[in-house]
PDB file of N, CA and C in Angstrom:
ATOM      1  N   UNK A   1       3.564 -10.643   6.349  1.00  0.00           N
ATOM      2  CA  UNK A   1       2.188 -10.251   6.226  1.00  0.00           C
ATOM      3  C   UNK A   1       1.547 -11.099   5.152  1.00  0.00           C
ATOM      4  N   UNK A   2       0.386 -11.624   5.413  1.00  0.00           N
ATOM      5  CA  UNK A   2      -0.353 -12.361   4.402  1.00  0.00           C
ATOM      6  C   UNK A   2      -1.645 -11.626   4.136  1.00  0.00           C
ATOM      7  N   UNK A   3      -2.220 -11.890   2.992  1.00  0.00           N
ATOM      8  CA  UNK A   3      -3.484 -11.259   2.596  1.00  0.00           C
ATOM      9  C   UNK A   3      -4.474 -12.370   2.330  1.00  0.00           C
ATOM     10  N   UNK A   4      -5.664 -12.250   2.874  1.00  0.00           N
ATOM     11  CA  UNK A   4      -6.708 -13.244   2.606  1.00  0.00           C
ATOM     12  C   UNK A   4      -7.983 -12.539   2.178  1.00  0.00           C
ATOM     13  N   UNK A   5      -8.722 -13.206   1.312  1.00  0.00           N
ATOM     14  CA  UNK A   5     -10.008 -12.676   0.860  1.00  0.00           C
ATOM     15  C   UNK A   5     -11.102 -13.370   1.648  1.00  0.00           C
ATOM     16  N   UNK A   6     -12.045 -12.575   2.118  1.00  0.00           N
ATOM     17  CA  UNK A   6     -13.184 -13.148   2.847  1.00  0.00           C
ATOM     18  C   UNK A   6     -14.477 -12.626   2.208  1.00  0.00           C
ATOM     19  N   UNK A   7     -15.500 -13.421   2.252  1.00  0.00           N
ATOM     20  CA  UNK A   7     -16.774 -13.027   1.708  1.00  0.00           C
ATOM     21  C   UNK A   7     -17.866 -13.442   2.682  1.00  0.00           C
ATOM     22  N   UNK A   8     -18.813 -12.566   2.892  1.00  0.00           N
ATOM     23  CA  UNK A   8     -19.920 -12.869   3.818  1.00  0.00           C
ATOM     24  C   UNK A   8     -21.231 -12.767   3.054  1.00  0.00           C
ATOM     25  N   UNK A   9     -21.946 -13.856   2.961  1.00  0.00           N
ATOM     26  CA  UNK A   9     -23.301 -13.942   2.407  1.00  0.00           C
ATOM     27  C   UNK A   9     -23.521 -13.113   1.153  1.00  0.00           C
ATOM     28  N   UNK A  10     -22.805 -13.405   0.102  1.00  0.00           N
ATOM     29  CA  UNK A  10     -23.045 -12.763  -1.181  1.00  0.00           C
ATOM     30  C   UNK A  10     -22.390 -11.404  -1.367  1.00  0.00           C
ATOM     31  N   UNK A  11     -21.794 -10.866  -0.351  1.00  0.00           N
ATOM     32  CA  UNK A  11     -21.116  -9.581  -0.505  1.00  0.00           C
ATOM     33  C   UNK A  11     -19.787  -9.790  -1.223  1.00  0.00           C
ATOM     34  N   UNK A  12     -19.276  -8.725  -1.822  1.00  0.00           N
ATOM     35  CA  UNK A  12     -17.979  -8.857  -2.478  1.00  0.00           C
ATOM     36  C   UNK A  12     -16.887  -9.097  -1.428  1.00  0.00           C
ATOM     37  N   UNK A  13     -15.847  -9.829  -1.806  1.00  0.00           N
ATOM     38  CA  UNK A  13     -14.783 -10.169  -0.827  1.00  0.00           C
ATOM     39  C   UNK A  13     -14.079  -8.925  -0.307  1.00  0.00           C
ATOM     40  N   UNK A  14     -13.649  -8.991   0.934  1.00  0.00           N
ATOM     41  CA  UNK A  14     -12.829  -7.919   1.512  1.00  0.00           C
ATOM     42  C   UNK A  14     -11.433  -8.485   1.739  1.00  0.00           C
ATOM     43  N   UNK A  15     -10.439  -7.624   1.739  1.00  0.00           N
ATOM     44  CA  UNK A  15      -9.053  -8.041   1.925  1.00  0.00           C
ATOM     45  C   UNK A  15      -8.643  -7.762   3.363  1.00  0.00           C
ATOM     46  N   UNK A  16      -8.068  -8.784   4.005  1.00  0.00           N
ATOM     47  CA  UNK A  16      -7.558  -8.651   5.357  1.00  0.00           C
ATOM     48  C   UNK A  16      -6.051  -8.890   5.342  1.00  0.00           C
ATOM     49  N   UNK A  17      -5.297  -8.048   6.024  1.00  0.00           N
ATOM     50  CA  UNK A  17      -3.859  -8.216   6.094  1.00  0.00           C
ATOM     51  C   UNK A  17      -3.493  -8.812   7.448  1.00  0.00           C
ATOM     52  N   UNK A  18      -2.542  -9.758   7.411  1.00  0.00           N
ATOM     53  CA  UNK A  18      -2.074 -10.413   8.631  1.00  0.00           C
ATOM     54  C   UNK A  18      -0.566 -10.265   8.722  1.00  0.00           C
ATOM     55  N   UNK A  19      -0.054  -9.851   9.870  1.00  0.00           N
ATOM     56  CA  UNK A  19       1.395  -9.751  10.050  1.00  0.00           C
ATOM     57  C   UNK A  19       2.010 -11.126  10.246  1.00  0.00           C
ATOM     58  N   UNK A  20       1.227 -12.087  10.699  1.00  0.00           N
ATOM     59  CA  UNK A  20       1.708 -13.447  10.911  1.00  0.00           C
ATOM     60  C   UNK A  20       1.067 -14.341   9.857  1.00  0.00           C
ATOM     61  N   UNK A  21       1.888 -15.169   9.229  1.00  0.00           N
ATOM     62  CA  UNK A  21       1.390 -16.085   8.200  1.00  0.00           C
ATOM     63  C   UNK A  21       0.388 -17.048   8.816  1.00  0.00           C
ATOM     64  N   UNK A  22      -0.761 -17.194   8.167  1.00  0.00           N
ATOM     65  CA  UNK A  22      -1.743 -18.156   8.651  1.00  0.00           C
ATOM     66  C   UNK A  22      -1.316 -19.593   8.340  1.00  0.00           C
ATOM     67  N   UNK A  23      -0.508 -19.744   7.299  1.00  0.00           N
ATOM     68  CA  UNK A  23      -0.029 -21.067   6.903  1.00  0.00           C
ATOM     69  C   UNK A  23       1.201 -21.502   7.686  1.00  0.00           C
ATOM     70  N   UNK A  24       2.125 -20.565   7.913  1.00  0.00           N
ATOM     71  CA  UNK A  24       3.381 -20.862   8.601  1.00  0.00           C
ATOM     72  C   UNK A  24       3.568 -19.864   9.750  1.00  0.00           C
ATOM     73  N   UNK A  25       2.790 -19.992  10.818  1.00  0.00           N
ATOM     74  CA  UNK A  25       2.814 -18.991  11.889  1.00  0.00           C
ATOM     75  C   UNK A  25       4.131 -18.917  12.651  1.00  0.00           C
ATOM     76  N   UNK A  26       4.939 -19.963  12.590  1.00  0.00           N
ATOM     77  CA  UNK A  26       6.214 -19.956  13.317  1.00  0.00           C
ATOM     78  C   UNK A  26       7.343 -19.274  12.578  1.00  0.00           C
ATOM     79  N   UNK A  27       7.092 -18.856  11.332  1.00  0.00           N
ATOM     80  CA  UNK A  27       8.135 -18.207  10.530  1.00  0.00           C
ATOM     81  C   UNK A  27       7.792 -16.730  10.346  1.00  0.00           C
ATOM     82  N   UNK A  28       8.805 -15.898  10.440  1.00  0.00           N
ATOM     83  CA  UNK A  28       8.649 -14.446  10.234  1.00  0.00           C
ATOM     84  C   UNK A  28       8.752 -14.163   8.730  1.00  0.00           C
ATOM     85  N   UNK A  29       7.765 -14.607   7.981  1.00  0.00           N
ATOM     86  CA  UNK A  29       7.797 -14.524   6.525  1.00  0.00           C
ATOM     87  C   UNK A  29       7.996 -13.085   6.055  1.00  0.00           C
ATOM     88  N   UNK A  30       7.261 -12.143   6.657  1.00  0.00           N
ATOM     89  CA  UNK A  30       7.355 -10.744   6.240  1.00  0.00           C
ATOM     90  C   UNK A  30       8.763 -10.194   6.386  1.00  0.00           C
ATOM     91  N   UNK A  31       9.499 -10.670   7.369  1.00  0.00           N
ATOM     92  CA  UNK A  31      10.889 -10.243   7.553  1.00  0.00           C
ATOM     93  C   UNK A  31      11.845 -11.026   6.670  1.00  0.00           C
ATOM     94  N   UNK A  32      11.523 -12.276   6.402  1.00  0.00           N
ATOM     95  CA  UNK A  32      12.408 -13.136   5.630  1.00  0.00           C
ATOM     96  C   UNK A  32      12.458 -12.773   4.150  1.00  0.00           C
ATOM     97  N   UNK A  33      11.333 -12.403   3.575  1.00  0.00           N
ATOM     98  CA  UNK A  33      11.271 -12.210   2.121  1.00  0.00           C
ATOM     99  C   UNK A  33      12.257 -11.158   1.636  1.00  0.00           C
ATOM    100  N   UNK A  34      12.304  -9.952   2.228  1.00  0.00           N
ATOM    101  CA  UNK A  34      13.279  -8.967   1.716  1.00  0.00           C
ATOM    102  C   UNK A  34      14.737  -9.458   1.845  1.00  0.00           C
ATOM    103  N   UNK A  35      15.028 -10.174   2.925  1.00  0.00           N
ATOM    104  CA  UNK A  35      16.382 -10.717   3.113  1.00  0.00           C
ATOM    105  C   UNK A  35      16.688 -11.780   2.073  1.00  0.00           C
ATOM    106  N   UNK A  36      15.727 -12.639   1.775  1.00  0.00           N
ATOM    107  CA  UNK A  36      15.921 -13.702   0.804  1.00  0.00           C
ATOM    108  C   UNK A  36      16.080 -13.132  -0.613  1.00  0.00           C
ATOM    109  N   UNK A  37      15.300 -12.113  -0.928  1.00  0.00           N
ATOM    110  CA  UNK A  37      15.419 -11.492  -2.241  1.00  0.00           C
ATOM    111  C   UNK A  37      16.792 -10.840  -2.384  1.00  0.00           C
ATOM    112  N   UNK A  38      17.253 -10.154  -1.369  1.00  0.00           N
ATOM    113  CA  UNK A  38      18.582  -9.542  -1.394  1.00  0.00           C
ATOM    114  C   UNK A  38      19.655 -10.611  -1.566  1.00  0.00           C
ATOM    115  N   UNK A  39      19.517 -11.708  -0.823  1.00  0.00           N
ATOM    116  CA  UNK A  39      20.496 -12.806  -0.925  1.00  0.00           C
ATOM    117  C   UNK A  39      20.477 -13.401  -2.327  1.00  0.00           C
ATOM    118  N   UNK A  40      19.304 -13.530  -2.928  1.00  0.00           N
ATOM    119  CA  UNK A  40      19.209 -14.060  -4.287  1.00  0.00           C
ATOM    120  C   UNK A  40      19.903 -13.151  -5.293  1.00  0.00           C
ATOM    121  N   UNK A  41      19.828 -11.829  -5.094  1.00  0.00           N
ATOM    122  CA  UNK A  41      20.554 -10.916  -5.965  1.00  0.00           C
ATOM    123  C   UNK A  41      22.059 -11.080  -5.803  1.00  0.00           C
ATOM    124  N   UNK A  42      22.505 -11.377  -4.590  1.00  0.00           N
ATOM    125  CA  UNK A  42      23.922 -11.494  -4.302  1.00  0.00           C
ATOM    126  C   UNK A  42      24.522 -12.805  -4.831  1.00  0.00           C
ATOM    127  N   UNK A  43      23.850 -13.932  -4.615  1.00  0.00           N
ATOM    128  CA  UNK A  43      24.448 -15.223  -4.930  1.00  0.00           C
ATOM    129  C   UNK A  43      23.673 -16.012  -5.983  1.00  0.00           C
ATOM    130  N   UNK A  44      22.533 -15.518  -6.393  1.00  0.00           N
ATOM    131  CA  UNK A  44      21.685 -16.241  -7.352  1.00  0.00           C
ATOM    132  C   UNK A  44      20.573 -16.972  -6.645  1.00  0.00           C
ATOM    133  N   UNK A  45      19.488 -17.173  -7.357  1.00  0.00           N
ATOM    134  CA  UNK A  45      18.297 -17.761  -6.769  1.00  0.00           C
ATOM    135  C   UNK A  45      18.523 -19.215  -6.326  1.00  0.00           C
ATOM    136  N   UNK A  46      19.200 -20.003  -7.162  1.00  0.00           N
ATOM    137  CA  UNK A  46      19.422 -21.414  -6.815  1.00  0.00           C
ATOM    138  C   UNK A  46      20.238 -21.556  -5.534  1.00  0.00           C
ATOM    139  N   UNK A  47      21.290 -20.759  -5.419  1.00  0.00           N
ATOM    140  CA  UNK A  47      22.132 -20.828  -4.212  1.00  0.00           C
ATOM    141  C   UNK A  47      21.340 -20.362  -2.980  1.00  0.00           C
ATOM    142  N   UNK A  48      20.558 -19.302  -3.143  1.00  0.00           N
ATOM    143  CA  UNK A  48      19.748 -18.804  -2.013  1.00  0.00           C
ATOM    144  C   UNK A  48      18.772 -19.892  -1.552  1.00  0.00           C
ATOM    145  N   UNK A  49      18.137 -20.572  -2.505  1.00  0.00           N
ATOM    146  CA  UNK A  49      17.192 -21.633  -2.146  1.00  0.00           C
ATOM    147  C   UNK A  49      17.881 -22.808  -1.488  1.00  0.00           C
ATOM    148  N   UNK A  50      19.071 -23.156  -1.949  1.00  0.00           N
ATOM    149  CA  UNK A  50      19.848 -24.235  -1.289  1.00  0.00           C
ATOM    150  C   UNK A  50      20.144 -23.867   0.158  1.00  0.00           C
ATOM    151  N   UNK A  51      20.578 -22.618   0.370  1.00  0.00           N
ATOM    152  CA  UNK A  51      20.886 -22.137   1.730  1.00  0.00           C
ATOM    153  C   UNK A  51      19.640 -22.176   2.600  1.00  0.00           C
ATOM    154  N   UNK A  52      18.519 -21.732   2.053  1.00  0.00           N
ATOM    155  CA  UNK A  52      17.251 -21.728   2.804  1.00  0.00           C
ATOM    156  C   UNK A  52      16.844 -23.154   3.163  1.00  0.00           C
ATOM    157  N   UNK A  53      16.973 -24.052   2.211  1.00  0.00           N
ATOM    158  CA  UNK A  53      16.633 -25.464   2.459  1.00  0.00           C
ATOM    159  C   UNK A  53      17.511 -26.027   3.574  1.00  0.00           C
ATOM    160  N   UNK A  54      18.798 -25.681   3.550  1.00  0.00           N
ATOM    161  CA  UNK A  54      19.718 -26.164   4.596  1.00  0.00           C
ATOM    162  C   UNK A  54      19.306 -25.641   5.974  1.00  0.00           C
ATOM    163  N   UNK A  55      18.840 -24.405   6.041  1.00  0.00           N
ATOM    164  CA  UNK A  55      18.401 -23.831   7.308  1.00  0.00           C
ATOM    165  C   UNK A  55      17.232 -24.640   7.885  1.00  0.00           C
ATOM    166  N   UNK A  56      16.335 -25.097   7.031  1.00  0.00           N
ATOM    167  CA  UNK A  56      15.156 -25.832   7.500  1.00  0.00           C
ATOM    168  C   UNK A  56      15.467 -27.279   7.865  1.00  0.00           C
ATOM    169  N   UNK A  57      16.568 -27.830   7.339  1.00  0.00           N
ATOM    170  CA  UNK A  57      16.894 -29.219   7.623  1.00  0.00           C
ATOM    171  C   UNK A  57      17.863 -29.360   8.796  1.00  0.00           C
ATOM    172  N   UNK A  58      18.363 -28.262   9.328  1.00  0.00           N
ATOM    173  CA  UNK A  58      19.293 -28.320  10.457  1.00  0.00           C
ATOM    174  C   UNK A  58      18.539 -28.394  11.761  1.00  0.00           C
TER     175      UNK A  58
END
């Protein structure tokens, strides 16, 4: 889920929630984040990031 601020003609911004990332629509970011955080707790942040990087380069 992503959150974006929008403003229309001088009105204060409103918040819109998106289940699909507007930046990376092919990735299930909302599902990945909890799994990545859990993995970081298990093996450490650096190792989790190395594993994630490997997934993207395969």
